[in-house]
C-alpha atoms as a PDB file:
ATOM      1  CA  UNK A   1     -23.757   9.722  -6.442  1.00  0.00           C
ATOM      2  CA  UNK A   2     -20.574   8.830  -5.266  1.00  0.00           C
ATOM      3  CA  UNK A   3     -17.897  11.916  -4.816  1.00  0.00           C
ATOM      4  CA  UNK A   4     -13.992  12.406  -4.637  1.00  0.00           C
ATOM      5  CA  UNK A   5     -12.676  10.485  -1.842  1.00  0.00           C
ATOM      6  CA  UNK A   6     -13.229  12.249   1.903  1.00  0.00           C
ATOM      7  CA  UNK A   7     -10.136  13.509   3.496  1.00  0.00           C
ATOM      8  CA  UNK A   8      -7.584  11.077   5.224  1.00  0.00           C
ATOM      9  CA  UNK A   9      -8.346  11.462   9.034  1.00  0.00           C
ATOM     10  CA  UNK A  10      -4.978  13.166  10.447  1.00  0.00           C
ATOM     11  CA  UNK A  11      -4.567  10.008  12.933  1.00  0.00           C
ATOM     12  CA  UNK A  12      -3.565   7.643  10.605  1.00  0.00           C
ATOM     13  CA  UNK A  13      -0.032   8.425  10.725  1.00  0.00           C
ATOM     14  CA  UNK A  14       1.663   4.532  11.596  1.00  0.00           C
ATOM     15  CA  UNK A  15       0.427   1.250  10.492  1.00  0.00           C
ATOM     16  CA  UNK A  16       1.464  -2.604  10.250  1.00  0.00           C
ATOM     17  CA  UNK A  17       0.808  -5.188   7.265  1.00  0.00           C
ATOM     18  CA  UNK A  18      -0.770  -7.982   8.860  1.00  0.00           C
ATOM     19  CA  UNK A  19       0.631 -11.374   7.008  1.00  0.00           C
ATOM     20  CA  UNK A  20      -1.107 -14.550   8.513  1.00  0.00           C
ATOM     21  CA  UNK A  21      -0.335 -16.919   5.402  1.00  0.00           C
ATOM     22  CA  UNK A  22       0.590 -20.052   7.540  1.00  0.00           C
ATOM     23  CA  UNK A  23      -2.479 -19.815  10.223  1.00  0.00           C
ATOM     24  CA  UNK A  24      -4.333 -22.384  10.160  1.00  0.00           C
ATOM     25  CA  UNK A  25      -7.253 -19.985   9.164  1.00  0.00           C
ATOM     26  CA  UNK A  26      -6.071 -16.910   7.285  1.00  0.00           C
ATOM     27  CA  UNK A  27      -8.992 -14.978   8.031  1.00  0.00           C
ATOM     28  CA  UNK A  28      -9.024 -15.582  11.798  1.00  0.00           C
ATOM     29  CA  UNK A  29      -5.743 -14.925  12.410  1.00  0.00           C
ATOM     30  CA  UNK A  30      -5.866 -11.885  10.617  1.00  0.00           C
ATOM     31  CA  UNK A  31      -8.687 -10.219  12.485  1.00  0.00           C
ATOM     32  CA  UNK A  32      -6.959 -11.417  15.547  1.00  0.00           C
ATOM     33  CA  UNK A  33      -3.834  -9.554  14.919  1.00  0.00           C
ATOM     34  CA  UNK A  34      -6.077  -6.793  14.052  1.00  0.00           C
ATOM     35  CA  UNK A  35      -7.084  -6.816  17.052  1.00  0.00           C
ATOM     36  CA  UNK A  36      -3.750  -6.866  18.594  1.00  0.00           C
ATOM     37  CA  UNK A  37      -2.520  -3.909  16.353  1.00  0.00           C
ATOM     38  CA  UNK A  38      -5.665  -1.415  17.283  1.00  0.00           C
ATOM     39  CA  UNK A  39      -5.221  -2.331  21.331  1.00  0.00           C
ATOM     40  CA  UNK A  40      -1.158  -1.151  20.426  1.00  0.00           C
ATOM     41  CA  UNK A  41      -2.132   1.914  19.147  1.00  0.00           C
ATOM     42  CA  UNK A  42      -1.666   1.247  15.494  1.00  0.00           C
ATOM     43  CA  UNK A  43      -3.803   3.241  13.449  1.00  0.00           C
ATOM     44  CA  UNK A  44      -4.294   0.901  10.387  1.00  0.00           C
ATOM     45  CA  UNK A  45      -3.412  -2.591   8.701  1.00  0.00           C
ATOM     46  CA  UNK A  46      -2.458  -2.904   5.409  1.00  0.00           C
ATOM     47  CA  UNK A  47      -2.839  -6.330   3.360  1.00  0.00           C
ATOM     48  CA  UNK A  48      -1.082  -7.383   0.490  1.00  0.00           C
ATOM     49  CA  UNK A  49      -2.415  -9.221  -2.465  1.00  0.00           C
ATOM     50  CA  UNK A  50      -0.642 -12.328  -4.111  1.00  0.00           C
ATOM     51  CA  UNK A  51      -2.298 -15.483  -5.610  1.00  0.00           C
ATOM     52  CA  UNK A  52      -3.991 -16.572  -2.110  1.00  0.00           C
ATOM     53  CA  UNK A  53      -6.504 -14.243   0.129  1.00  0.00           C
ATOM     54  CA  UNK A  54      -8.459 -11.580  -2.198  1.00  0.00           C
ATOM     55  CA  UNK A  55      -7.299  -8.373  -0.241  1.00  0.00           C
ATOM     56  CA  UNK A  56      -9.931  -6.165  -0.256  1.00  0.00           C
ATOM     57  CA  UNK A  57     -12.343  -9.021   1.253  1.00  0.00           C
ATOM     58  CA  UNK A  58     -10.068  -9.117   3.895  1.00  0.00           C
ATOM     59  CA  UNK A  59      -9.364  -5.678   4.553  1.00  0.00           C
ATOM     60  CA  UNK A  60     -13.787  -5.171   4.574  1.00  0.00           C
ATOM     61  CA  UNK A  61     -13.857  -8.285   7.384  1.00  0.00           C
ATOM     62  CA  UNK A  62     -11.062  -6.230   9.490  1.00  0.00           C
ATOM     63  CA  UNK A  63     -12.790  -3.152   9.320  1.00  0.00           C
ATOM     64  CA  UNK A  64     -16.238  -4.621  10.538  1.00  0.00           C
ATOM     65  CA  UNK A  65     -14.639  -6.758  13.603  1.00  0.00           C
ATOM     66  CA  UNK A  66     -12.358  -4.171  14.018  1.00  0.00           C
ATOM     67  CA  UNK A  67     -14.273  -0.801  14.504  1.00  0.00           C
ATOM     68  CA  UNK A  68     -11.659   2.401  14.280  1.00  0.00           C
ATOM     69  CA  UNK A  69      -9.025   0.642  12.221  1.00  0.00           C
ATOM     70  CA  UNK A  70      -8.091   1.776   9.152  1.00  0.00           C
ATOM     71  CA  UNK A  71      -7.309  -1.374   6.286  1.00  0.00           C
ATOM     72  CA  UNK A  72      -5.979  -1.094   3.022  1.00  0.00           C
ATOM     73  CA  UNK A  73      -4.885  -3.247   0.152  1.00  0.00           C
ATOM     74  CA  UNK A  74      -0.683  -2.836  -0.768  1.00  0.00           C
ATOM     75  CA  UNK A  75      -1.239  -3.414  -3.729  1.00  0.00           C
ATOM     76  CA  UNK A  76      -3.446  -5.084  -6.494  1.00  0.00           C
ATOM     77  CA  UNK A  77      -1.875  -5.609  -9.630  1.00  0.00           C
ATOM     78  CA  UNK A  78      -3.170  -4.080 -12.497  1.00  0.00           C
ATOM     79  CA  UNK A  79      -2.390  -6.320 -14.838  1.00  0.00           C
ATOM     80  CA  UNK A  80      -4.980  -9.322 -14.851  1.00  0.00           C
ATOM     81  CA  UNK A  81      -7.675  -7.360 -13.316  1.00  0.00           C
ATOM     82  CA  UNK A  82     -10.015  -4.843 -14.822  1.00  0.00           C
ATOM     83  CA  UNK A  83     -11.232  -1.403 -13.007  1.00  0.00           C
ATOM     84  CA  UNK A  84     -15.166  -2.157 -13.173  1.00  0.00           C
ATOM     85  CA  UNK A  85     -14.928  -5.376 -10.432  1.00  0.00           C
ATOM     86  CA  UNK A  86     -12.120  -4.083  -8.617  1.00  0.00           C
ATOM     87  CA  UNK A  87     -14.467  -0.502  -8.233  1.00  0.00           C
ATOM     88  CA  UNK A  88     -17.006  -3.160  -6.453  1.00  0.00           C
ATOM     89  CA  UNK A  89     -14.498  -4.721  -4.369  1.00  0.00           C
ATOM     90  CA  UNK A  90     -13.171  -1.288  -3.410  1.00  0.00           C
ATOM     91  CA  UNK A  91     -16.595   0.161  -2.919  1.00  0.00           C
ATOM     92  CA  UNK A  92     -18.166  -2.508  -0.953  1.00  0.00           C
ATOM     93  CA  UNK A  93     -14.726  -2.781   1.417  1.00  0.00           C
ATOM     94  CA  UNK A  94     -15.970   1.361   1.715  1.00  0.00           C
ATOM     95  CA  UNK A  95     -19.122   0.694   2.790  1.00  0.00           C
ATOM     96  CA  UNK A  96     -18.544  -2.273   5.011  1.00  0.00           C
ATOM     97  CA  UNK A  97     -16.320  -0.302   6.673  1.00  0.00           C
ATOM     98  CA  UNK A  98     -17.642   3.015   6.880  1.00  0.00           C
ATOM     99  CA  UNK A  99     -15.313   4.646   5.205  1.00  0.00           C
ATOM    100  CA  UNK A 100     -12.165   3.446   6.647  1.00  0.00           C
ATOM    101  CA  UNK A 101     -10.787   1.403   3.182  1.00  0.00           C
ATOM    102  CA  UNK A 102      -7.870   2.635   1.291  1.00  0.00           C
ATOM    103  CA  UNK A 103      -7.292   1.050  -1.980  1.00  0.00           C
ATOM    104  CA  UNK A 104      -3.743   0.669  -2.794  1.00  0.00           C
ATOM    105  CA  UNK A 105      -2.831  -0.601  -7.105  1.00  0.00           C
ATOM    106  CA  UNK A 106       0.209  -1.837  -8.295  1.00  0.00           C
ATOM    107  CA  UNK A 107       1.934  -2.560 -11.656  1.00  0.00           C
ATOM    108  CA  UNK A 108       3.061  -5.851 -10.844  1.00  0.00           C
ATOM    109  CA  UNK A 109       6.299  -7.816 -12.042  1.00  0.00           C
ATOM    110  CA  UNK A 110       6.900  -9.178 -15.270  1.00  0.00           C
ATOM    111  CA  UNK A 111       7.669 -12.338 -13.836  1.00  0.00           C
ATOM    112  CA  UNK A 112       4.121 -13.097 -12.197  1.00  0.00           C
ATOM    113  CA  UNK A 113       2.291 -11.417 -14.689  1.00  0.00           C
ATOM    114  CA  UNK A 114       3.713 -13.136 -17.426  1.00  0.00           C
ATOM    115  CA  UNK A 115       3.970 -16.533 -15.420  1.00  0.00           C
ATOM    116  CA  UNK A 116       0.897 -16.188 -13.510  1.00  0.00           C
ATOM    117  CA  UNK A 117      -1.547 -14.812 -15.739  1.00  0.00           C
ATOM    118  CA  UNK A 118      -0.107 -15.597 -19.565  1.00  0.00           C
ATOM    119  CA  UNK A 119      -0.180 -12.022 -20.330  1.00  0.00           C
ATOM    120  CA  UNK A 120       2.642 -10.174 -21.543  1.00  0.00           C
ATOM    121  CA  UNK A 121       3.646  -7.466 -19.509  1.00  0.00           C
ATOM    122  CA  UNK A 122       3.963  -4.620 -22.147  1.00  0.00           C
ATOM    123  CA  UNK A 123       3.340  -0.887 -21.667  1.00  0.00           C
ATOM    124  CA  UNK A 124       2.376  -0.788 -18.117  1.00  0.00           C
ATOM    125  CA  UNK A 125       2.221   2.771 -17.521  1.00  0.00           C
ATOM    126  CA  UNK A 126       0.015   3.406 -20.246  1.00  0.00           C
ATOM    127  CA  UNK A 127      -2.247   0.472 -18.253  1.00  0.00           C
ATOM    128  CA  UNK A 128      -1.715   2.354 -15.086  1.00  0.00           C
ATOM    129  CA  UNK A 129      -2.867   5.274 -16.532  1.00  0.00           C
ATOM    130  CA  UNK A 130      -6.445   3.544 -18.498  1.00  0.00           C
ATOM    131  CA  UNK A 131      -7.075   1.857 -15.388  1.00  0.00           C
ATOM    132  CA  UNK A 132      -6.618   4.411 -13.031  1.00  0.00           C
ATOM    133  CA  UNK A 133      -8.823   7.169 -15.455  1.00  0.00           C
ATOM    134  CA  UNK A 134     -11.846   4.512 -15.376  1.00  0.00           C
ATOM    135  CA  UNK A 135     -11.602   3.647 -12.227  1.00  0.00           C
ATOM    136  CA  UNK A 136     -12.001   7.017 -10.720  1.00  0.00           C
ATOM    137  CA  UNK A 137     -15.169   7.132 -12.762  1.00  0.00           C
ATOM    138  CA  UNK A 138     -16.385   4.493 -11.128  1.00  0.00           C
ATOM    139  CA  UNK A 139     -15.727   5.097  -7.592  1.00  0.00           C
ATOM    140  CA  UNK A 140     -16.515   9.005  -8.132  1.00  0.00           C
ATOM    141  CA  UNK A 141     -19.657   8.740 -10.060  1.00  0.00           C
ATOM    142  CA  UNK A 142     -20.753   5.185  -9.825  1.00  0.00           C
ATOM    143  CA  UNK A 143     -20.476   5.042 -13.740  1.00  0.00           C
ATOM    144  CA  UNK A 144     -17.718   5.069 -16.435  1.00  0.00           C
ATOM    145  CA  UNK A 145     -17.886   5.521 -20.406  1.00  0.00           C
ATOM    146  CA  UNK A 146     -14.204   4.787 -20.968  1.00  0.00           C
ATOM    147  CA  UNK A 147     -12.932   3.783 -24.363  1.00  0.00           C
ATOM    148  CA  UNK A 148      -8.745   3.400 -24.279  1.00  0.00           C
ATOM    149  CA  UNK A 149      -6.018   1.820 -26.259  1.00  0.00           C
ATOM    150  CA  UNK A 150      -5.565  -1.255 -23.764  1.00  0.00           C
ATOM    151  CA  UNK A 151      -9.234  -1.449 -21.758  1.00  0.00           C
ATOM    152  CA  UNK A 152     -12.750  -0.309 -22.222  1.00  0.00           C
ATOM    153  CA  UNK A 153     -14.889   0.376 -19.440  1.00  0.00           C
ATOM    154  CA  UNK A 154     -18.497   0.877 -19.662  1.00  0.00           C
ATOM    155  CA  UNK A 155     -21.913   0.455 -16.919  1.00  0.00           C
ATOM    156  CA  UNK A 156     -24.694  -0.603 -18.539  1.00  0.00           C
ATOM    157  CA  UNK A 157     -26.146  -0.809 -15.691  1.00  0.00           C
ATOM    158  CA  UNK A 158     -25.453   1.812 -12.342  1.00  0.00           C
ATOM    159  CA  UNK A 159     -22.246   0.186 -10.643  1.00  0.00           C
ATOM    160  CA  UNK A 160     -22.441   2.698  -7.470  1.00  0.00           C
ATOM    161  CA  UNK A 161     -22.928   0.897  -4.220  1.00  0.00           C
ATOM    162  CA  UNK A 162     -24.923   2.778  -1.544  1.00  0.00           C
ATOM    163  CA  UNK A 163     -22.755   3.900   1.863  1.00  0.00           C
ATOM    164  CA  UNK A 164     -19.707   4.401  -0.006  1.00  0.00           C
ATOM    165  CA  UNK A 165     -20.813   7.717  -1.552  1.00  0.00           C
ATOM    166  CA  UNK A 166     -17.731   9.556  -0.695  1.00  0.00           C
ATOM    167  CA  UNK A 167     -15.879   7.485  -2.690  1.00  0.00           C
ATOM    168  CA  UNK A 168     -12.450   5.404  -2.129  1.00  0.00           C
ATOM    169  CA  UNK A 169      -8.740   7.149  -1.839  1.00  0.00           C
ATOM    170  CA  UNK A 170      -6.587   5.607  -4.226  1.00  0.00           C
ATOM    171  CA  UNK A 171      -2.707   5.274  -4.117  1.00  0.00           C
ATOM    172  CA  UNK A 172      -0.156   3.250  -6.321  1.00  0.00           C
ATOM    173  CA  UNK A 173       2.852   1.230  -5.414  1.00  0.00           C
ATOM    174  CA  UNK A 174       4.695   3.692  -7.755  1.00  0.00           C
ATOM    175  CA  UNK A 175       8.813   4.672  -6.977  1.00  0.00           C
ATOM    176  CA  UNK A 176       9.905   5.033 -10.795  1.00  0.00           C
ATOM    177  CA  UNK A 177       9.267   8.407 -12.657  1.00  0.00           C
ATOM    178  CA  UNK A 178       6.634   7.743 -15.045  1.00  0.00           C
ATOM    179  CA  UNK A 179       4.498   6.154 -12.486  1.00  0.00           C
ATOM    180  CA  UNK A 180       4.817   8.834 -10.171  1.00  0.00           C
ATOM    181  CA  UNK A 181       3.550  11.276 -12.610  1.00  0.00           C
ATOM    182  CA  UNK A 182       0.797   9.360 -13.688  1.00  0.00           C
ATOM    183  CA  UNK A 183      -0.091   8.377  -9.807  1.00  0.00           C
ATOM    184  CA  UNK A 184       0.390  12.468  -8.717  1.00  0.00           C
ATOM    185  CA  UNK A 185      -2.181  12.993 -12.134  1.00  0.00           C
ATOM    186  CA  UNK A 186      -4.576  10.644 -10.862  1.00  0.00           C
ATOM    187  CA  UNK A 187      -4.484   8.863  -7.955  1.00  0.00           C
ATOM    188  CA  UNK A 188      -4.238  10.252  -4.158  1.00  0.00           C
ATOM    189  CA  UNK A 189      -0.771   8.696  -3.113  1.00  0.00           C
ATOM    190  CA  UNK A 190       1.785   6.267  -3.594  1.00  0.00           C
ATOM    191  CA  UNK A 191       3.012   3.504  -1.216  1.00  0.00           C
ATOM    192  CA  UNK A 192       6.773   3.130  -1.661  1.00  0.00           C
ATOM    193  CA  UNK A 193       8.314   0.111  -0.657  1.00  0.00           C
ATOM    194  CA  UNK A 194      12.175  -0.561   0.060  1.00  0.00           C
ATOM    195  CA  UNK A 195      12.497   3.482  -0.576  1.00  0.00           C
ATOM    196  CA  UNK A 196      14.646   4.814   2.379  1.00  0.00           C
ATOM    197  CA  UNK A 197      14.680   8.339   3.425  1.00  0.00           C
ATOM    198  CA  UNK A 198      17.216   9.763   0.878  1.00  0.00           C
ATOM    199  CA  UNK A 199      15.211   8.298  -2.127  1.00  0.00           C
ATOM    200  CA  UNK A 200      11.954   9.586  -0.410  1.00  0.00           C
ATOM    201  CA  UNK A 201      13.343  12.885  -0.114  1.00  0.00           C
ATOM    202  CA  UNK A 202      14.907  13.820  -3.198  1.00  0.00           C
ATOM    203  CA  UNK A 203      13.488  11.721  -5.698  1.00  0.00           C
ATOM    204  CA  UNK A 204       9.962  10.105  -4.955  1.00  0.00           C
ATOM    205  CA  UNK A 205       8.397  12.974  -2.926  1.00  0.00           C
ATOM    206  CA  UNK A 206       9.589  15.717  -5.307  1.00  0.00           C
ATOM    207  CA  UNK A 207       8.388  13.910  -8.377  1.00  0.00           C
ATOM    208  CA  UNK A 208       4.639  13.154  -7.029  1.00  0.00           C
ATOM    209  CA  UNK A 209       4.195  16.360  -5.750  1.00  0.00           C
ATOM    210  CA  UNK A 210       5.164  18.291  -8.966  1.00  0.00           C
ATOM    211  CA  UNK A 211       2.867  15.944 -10.760  1.00  0.00           C
ATOM    212  CA  UNK A 212       0.116  16.481  -8.402  1.00  0.00           C
ATOM    213  CA  UNK A 213       0.267  20.078  -8.809  1.00  0.00           C
ATOM    214  CA  UNK A 214       0.388  20.488 -12.175  1.00  0.00           C
ATOM    215  CA  UNK A 215      -2.806  18.339 -12.001  1.00  0.00           C
ATOM    216  CA  UNK A 216      -4.351  20.834  -9.878  1.00  0.00           C
ATOM    217  CA  UNK A 217      -4.956  18.403  -7.446  1.00  0.00           C
ATOM    218  CA  UNK A 218      -3.776  18.603  -3.842  1.00  0.00           C
ATOM    219  CA  UNK A 219      -0.268  17.442  -2.100  1.00  0.00           C
ATOM    220  CA  UNK A 220      -0.081  13.939  -2.163  1.00  0.00           C
ATOM    221  CA  UNK A 221      -0.796  10.914   0.451  1.00  0.00           C
ATOM    222  CA  UNK A 222       3.136   9.317   0.637  1.00  0.00           C
ATOM    223  CA  UNK A 223       2.569   6.135   2.667  1.00  0.00           C
ATOM    224  CA  UNK A 224       6.201   4.977   3.250  1.00  0.00           C
ATOM    225  CA  UNK A 225       6.026   0.634   3.504  1.00  0.00           C
ATOM    226  CA  UNK A 226       9.430  -0.266   5.672  1.00  0.00           C
ATOM    227  CA  UNK A 227      10.700  -3.442   5.875  1.00  0.00           C
ATOM    228  CA  UNK A 228      11.672  -3.409   9.610  1.00  0.00           C
ATOM    229  CA  UNK A 229      11.574  -4.960  13.434  1.00  0.00           C
ATOM    230  CA  UNK A 230      12.677  -3.829  17.230  1.00  0.00           C
ATOM    231  CA  UNK A 231      15.264  -6.799  17.991  1.00  0.00           C
ATOM    232  CA  UNK A 232      18.174  -7.162  19.877  1.00  0.00           C
ATOM    233  CA  UNK A 233      19.542  -9.922  17.893  1.00  0.00           C
ATOM    234  CA  UNK A 234      20.060  -7.532  15.086  1.00  0.00           C
ATOM    235  CA  UNK A 235      22.894  -9.312  12.914  1.00  0.00           C
ATOM    236  CA  UNK A 236      20.894 -12.565  13.042  1.00  0.00           C
ATOM    237  CA  UNK A 237      17.665 -10.432  12.029  1.00  0.00           C
ATOM    238  CA  UNK A 238      19.255  -8.593   9.125  1.00  0.00           C
ATOM    239  CA  UNK A 239      20.463 -11.917   7.922  1.00  0.00           C
ATOM    240  CA  UNK A 240      17.184 -13.555   7.793  1.00  0.00           C
ATOM    241  CA  UNK A 241      15.993  -9.883   6.231  1.00  0.00           C
ATOM    242  CA  UNK A 242      18.444 -10.381   3.111  1.00  0.00           C
ATOM    243  CA  UNK A 243      17.305 -13.967   2.594  1.00  0.00           C
ATOM    244  CA  UNK A 244      14.126 -12.793   2.858  1.00  0.00           C
ATOM    245  CA  UNK A 245      13.787  -9.948   0.371  1.00  0.00           C
ATOM    246  CA  UNK A 246      16.344 -10.869  -2.160  1.00  0.00           C
ATOM    247  CA  UNK A 247      13.533 -11.385  -4.464  1.00  0.00           C
ATOM    248  CA  UNK A 248      13.205  -7.958  -5.060  1.00  0.00           C
ATOM    249  CA  UNK A 249      16.565  -7.185  -5.886  1.00  0.00           C
ATOM    250  CA  UNK A 250      15.717  -9.109  -9.238  1.00  0.00           C
ATOM    251  CA  UNK A 251      13.072  -6.464 -10.130  1.00  0.00           C
ATOM    252  CA  UNK A 252      14.526  -3.275 -11.876  1.00  0.00           C
ATOM    253  CA  UNK A 253      12.254  -0.823 -10.220  1.00  0.00           C
ATOM    254  CA  UNK A 254      13.140  -1.908  -6.966  1.00  0.00           C
ATOM    255  CA  UNK A 255      17.247  -2.358  -7.290  1.00  0.00           C
ATOM    256  CA  UNK A 256      16.758   1.342  -8.695  1.00  0.00           C
ATOM    257  CA  UNK A 257      15.103   2.677  -5.588  1.00  0.00           C
ATOM    258  CA  UNK A 258      17.163   0.466  -3.465  1.00  0.00           C
ATOM    259  CA  UNK A 259      20.237   2.068  -4.939  1.00  0.00           C
ATOM    260  CA  UNK A 260      18.916   5.383  -4.899  1.00  0.00           C
ATOM    261  CA  UNK A 261      18.498   5.085  -0.807  1.00  0.00           C
ATOM    262  CA  UNK A 262      21.890   4.422  -0.628  1.00  0.00           C
ATOM    263  CA  UNK A 263      21.710   0.570  -0.545  1.00  0.00           C
ATOM    264  CA  UNK A 264      22.881  -2.622  -2.318  1.00  0.00           C
ATOM    265  CA  UNK A 265      20.975  -5.446  -1.095  1.00  0.00           C
ATOM    266  CA  UNK A 266      17.439  -5.064  -0.278  1.00  0.00           C
ATOM    267  CA  UNK A 267      17.797  -5.971   3.689  1.00  0.00           C
ATOM    268  CA  UNK A 268      20.188  -2.760   3.689  1.00  0.00           C
ATOM    269  CA  UNK A 269      17.133  -0.419   3.608  1.00  0.00           C
ATOM    270  CA  UNK A 270      15.510  -2.362   6.070  1.00  0.00           C
ATOM    271  CA  UNK A 271      14.920  -0.878   9.713  1.00  0.00           C
ATOM    272  CA  UNK A 272      16.484  -3.382  12.430  1.00  0.00           C
ATOM    273  CA  UNK A 273      17.465  -2.549  15.425  1.00  0.00           C
ATOM    274  CA  UNK A 274      16.701  -1.638  19.124  1.00  0.00           C
ATOM    275  CA  UNK A 275      13.799   0.618  20.087  1.00  0.00           C
ATOM    276  CA  UNK A 276      15.709   4.345  19.694  1.00  0.00           C
ATOM    277  CA  UNK A 277      16.923   2.668  16.345  1.00  0.00           C
ATOM    278  CA  UNK A 278      13.470   2.304  14.708  1.00  0.00           C
ATOM    279  CA  UNK A 279      12.113   5.383  16.304  1.00  0.00           C
ATOM    280  CA  UNK A 280      14.634   7.532  14.922  1.00  0.00           C
ATOM    281  CA  UNK A 281      14.178   5.718  11.574  1.00  0.00           C
ATOM    282  CA  UNK A 282      10.539   6.367  11.852  1.00  0.00           C
ATOM    283  CA  UNK A 283      11.220  10.220  11.877  1.00  0.00           C
ATOM    284  CA  UNK A 284      13.913  10.099   9.390  1.00  0.00           C
ATOM    285  CA  UNK A 285      10.831   8.852   6.917  1.00  0.00           C
ATOM    286  CA  UNK A 286       8.674  11.607   8.048  1.00  0.00           C
ATOM    287  CA  UNK A 287      10.958  14.111   7.656  1.00  0.00           C
ATOM    288  CA  UNK A 288      12.059  13.167   4.258  1.00  0.00           C
ATOM    289  CA  UNK A 289       7.999  13.137   3.538  1.00  0.00           C
ATOM    290  CA  UNK A 290       6.330   9.938   4.646  1.00  0.00           C
ATOM    291  CA  UNK A 291       2.937  11.533   6.003  1.00  0.00           C
ATOM    292  CA  UNK A 292       2.529   7.663   6.802  1.00  0.00           C
ATOM    293  CA  UNK A 293       4.333   4.808   7.815  1.00  0.00           C
ATOM    294  CA  UNK A 294       3.790   0.769   7.600  1.00  0.00           C
ATOM    295  CA  UNK A 295       6.071  -1.509   8.947  1.00  0.00           C
ATOM    296  CA  UNK A 296       6.021  -4.793   7.504  1.00  0.00           C
ATOM    297  CA  UNK A 297       7.737  -8.166   8.324  1.00  0.00           C
ATOM    298  CA  UNK A 298       7.473  -7.048  11.982  1.00  0.00           C
ATOM    299  CA  UNK A 299       7.441 -11.192  12.694  1.00  0.00           C
ATOM    300  CA  UNK A 300      10.295 -11.869  11.158  1.00  0.00           C
ATOM    301  CA  UNK A 301      11.940 -12.409  14.952  1.00  0.00           C
ATOM    302  CA  UNK A 302       9.310 -13.930  16.379  1.00  0.00           C
ATOM    303  CA  UNK A 303       6.334 -13.211  18.609  1.00  0.00           C
ATOM    304  CA  UNK A 304       7.830 -11.106  21.418  1.00  0.00           C
ATOM    305  CA  UNK A 305       9.941  -9.227  18.958  1.00  0.00           C
ATOM    306  CA  UNK A 306       6.934  -8.464  16.402  1.00  0.00           C
ATOM    307  CA  UNK A 307       4.784  -6.946  20.045  1.00  0.00           C
ATOM    308  CA  UNK A 308       7.567  -5.278  21.153  1.00  0.00           C
ATOM    309  CA  UNK A 309       8.025  -3.423  17.308  1.00  0.00           C
ATOM    310  CA  UNK A 310       3.919  -3.325  17.226  1.00  0.00           C
ATOM    311  CA  UNK A 311       4.248  -1.208  21.332  1.00  0.00           C
ATOM    312  CA  UNK A 312       6.852   0.991  20.057  1.00  0.00           C
ATOM    313  CA  UNK A 313       4.653   1.861  16.802  1.00  0.00           C
ATOM    314  CA  UNK A 314       2.001   2.507  18.249  1.00  0.00           C
ATOM    315  CA  UNK A 315       3.366   5.008  20.858  1.00  0.00           C
ATOM    316  CA  UNK A 316       4.378   6.956  17.871  1.00  0.00           C
ATOM    317  CA  UNK A 317       1.129   6.528  16.135  1.00  0.00           C
ATOM    318  CA  UNK A 318      -0.436   9.645  18.718  1.00  0.00           C
END
């Protein structure tokens, strides 16, 4: 039967989020980008989940096509989903990639949950706790018998996936105190986004680490998702980032963590500058407690700057 997820390799230090939404064929383009990322020396590729492509399927395909590259989802909202099919997706991706898949979950947002799924965005932290509890049963034992207030998960037939017997690392896009507590207790780590080094060091890392220790779990992974790019046209690119990231300023959890990071706008915590500036910021994130750093939005300044960014990040992954 499946057991606890295997420890993460120590070489999984720097990665990128892949975005091929505008390609003629998103899957083909994503595989091409993943091969380029691996060739640049990057260790992991991550895939967001919105209303389009299925991120665990993308991860499984990329993991098969690009041997050695770790792949992850960042992140699947728990509203509108159930632990049983999510566990099936994750275990299948883990078998397909021979142990290189990392499942990221999120609370989601009130706007997208209620508009997209027609579900009330109520008791999100309680739902996260129940979802994680049932999911861990499924990924660690291949079965579930969970009856909570908000969801039920049972397996009248086995749910194990041969080839995924070591389970799946589970991470949560948690940044608020309650979500960090639940994640420390029940997940393997967190996926904070738009949280600068100050917020990580002073608020996020201490909270999730203390919760994990209190639950008798190992120190959690902290996979810091950073919007950033190497460029010489800093002012113009930051202006683009300000427009692209403005949506997050309307979401209370993001607005809070941006403020804790010392920023007013979301773009204030974006890492935009020359190679020396970006390298220094990556080191700041590591010093603040990030176990891994994943850059997103690297295409915002064009293909040439994206390649410059990936080459730099690849050199920092060793």
